[in-house]
Amino acid sequence: MTSLRNIVFIAFHSNPIGGHFNAYISFSRIRLRFFWPTMYHYFTDLVHKCAVCRLSNSTL
């Protein structure tokens, strides 16, 4: 189940079309098509671990 969640996250966040948006925008786009318990927490964790997002965030 976790691998399917990772595939969904990569498809909507990490691919070139996804654009590496923040957790809220990624969550909003994905929740239109998918849902699972603790979904928002899952995306905030993955966005905070995303290397590209960490490098492009000027506050870190």
C-alpha atoms as a PDB file:
ATOM      1  CA  MET A   1       0.000   0.000   0.000  1.00  0.00           C
ATOM      2  CA  THR A   2       2.839   2.388   0.802  1.00  0.00           C
ATOM      3  CA  SER A   3       4.429   1.847  -2.597  1.00  0.00           C
ATOM      4  CA  LEU A   4       1.164   2.855  -4.293  1.00  0.00           C
ATOM      5  CA  ARG A   5       1.053   6.024  -2.174  1.00  0.00           C
ATOM      6  CA  ASN A   6       4.621   6.822  -3.219  1.00  0.00           C
ATOM      7  CA  ILE A   7       3.721   6.349  -6.883  1.00  0.00           C
ATOM      8  CA  VAL A   8       0.769   8.721  -6.501  1.00  0.00           C
ATOM      9  CA  PHE A   9       2.965  11.288  -4.749  1.00  0.00           C
ATOM     10  CA  ILE A  10       5.660  11.085  -7.419  1.00  0.00           C
ATOM     11  CA  ALA A  11       3.087  11.380 -10.187  1.00  0.00           C
ATOM     12  CA  PHE A  12       1.558  14.550  -8.741  1.00  0.00           C
ATOM     13  CA  HIS A  13       4.540  16.200  -7.049  1.00  0.00           C
ATOM     14  CA  SER A  14       7.941  15.031  -8.260  1.00  0.00           C
ATOM     15  CA  ASN A  15       7.512  14.634 -11.991  1.00  0.00           C
ATOM     16  CA  PRO A  16       8.276  17.573 -14.322  1.00  0.00           C
ATOM     17  CA  ILE A  17       4.577  18.327 -14.832  1.00  0.00           C
ATOM     18  CA  GLY A  18       3.910  18.223 -11.073  1.00  0.00           C
ATOM     19  CA  GLY A  19       6.175  21.155 -10.428  1.00  0.00           C
ATOM     20  CA  HIS A  20       7.243  20.457  -6.807  1.00  0.00           C
ATOM     21  CA  PHE A  21       4.448  22.481  -5.240  1.00  0.00           C
ATOM     22  CA  ASN A  22       4.130  22.747  -1.470  1.00  0.00           C
ATOM     23  CA  ALA A  23       2.275  20.188   0.649  1.00  0.00           C
ATOM     24  CA  TYR A  24      -1.104  21.951   0.571  1.00  0.00           C
ATOM     25  CA  ILE A  25      -1.218  22.347  -3.210  1.00  0.00           C
ATOM     26  CA  SER A  26       0.010  18.782  -3.770  1.00  0.00           C
ATOM     27  CA  PHE A  27      -2.586  17.502  -1.302  1.00  0.00           C
ATOM     28  CA  SER A  28      -5.368  19.531  -2.933  1.00  0.00           C
ATOM     29  CA  ARG A  29      -4.558  18.157  -6.370  1.00  0.00           C
ATOM     30  CA  ILE A  30      -4.335  14.546  -5.196  1.00  0.00           C
ATOM     31  CA  ARG A  31      -7.389  14.522  -2.931  1.00  0.00           C
ATOM     32  CA  LEU A  32      -9.601  15.167  -5.962  1.00  0.00           C
ATOM     33  CA  ARG A  33      -8.723  11.661  -7.152  1.00  0.00           C
ATOM     34  CA  PHE A  34      -7.509   9.665  -4.126  1.00  0.00           C
ATOM     35  CA  PHE A  35      -8.094   9.421  -0.387  1.00  0.00           C
ATOM     36  CA  TRP A  36      -6.594   7.484   2.508  1.00  0.00           C
ATOM     37  CA  PRO A  37      -6.423   8.122   6.266  1.00  0.00           C
ATOM     38  CA  THR A  38      -3.733  10.597   7.407  1.00  0.00           C
ATOM     39  CA  MET A  39      -3.234  11.685   3.825  1.00  0.00           C
ATOM     40  CA  TYR A  40      -2.284  15.302   4.564  1.00  0.00           C
ATOM     41  CA  HIS A  41       0.294  14.260   7.162  1.00  0.00           C
ATOM     42  CA  TYR A  42       1.770  11.800   4.658  1.00  0.00           C
ATOM     43  CA  PHE A  43       2.234  14.558   2.064  1.00  0.00           C
ATOM     44  CA  THR A  44       3.706  17.073   4.488  1.00  0.00           C
ATOM     45  CA  ASP A  45       6.318  14.506   5.515  1.00  0.00           C
ATOM     46  CA  LEU A  46       7.223  13.690   1.922  1.00  0.00           C
ATOM     47  CA  VAL A  47       7.392  17.319   0.828  1.00  0.00           C
ATOM     48  CA  HIS A  48       9.691  18.113   3.758  1.00  0.00           C
ATOM     49  CA  LYS A  49      11.923  15.200   2.702  1.00  0.00           C
ATOM     50  CA  CYS A  50      11.920  16.166  -0.999  1.00  0.00           C
ATOM     51  CA  ALA A  51      15.480  17.164  -1.953  1.00  0.00           C
ATOM     52  CA  VAL A  52      14.445  19.545  -4.749  1.00  0.00           C
ATOM     53  CA  CYS A  53      11.936  21.328  -2.519  1.00  0.00           C
ATOM     54  CA  ARG A  54      14.487  21.654   0.273  1.00  0.00           C
ATOM     55  CA  LEU A  55      17.059  23.168  -2.083  1.00  0.00           C
ATOM     56  CA  SER A  56      14.619  25.629  -3.630  1.00  0.00           C
ATOM     57  CA  ASN A  57      13.124  26.766  -0.301  1.00  0.00           C
ATOM     58  CA  SER A  58      14.833  30.016   0.658  1.00  0.00           C
ATOM     59  CA  THR A  59      13.862  29.785   4.334  1.00  0.00           C
ATOM     60  CA  LEU A  60      15.934  26.679   5.054  1.00  0.00           C
END
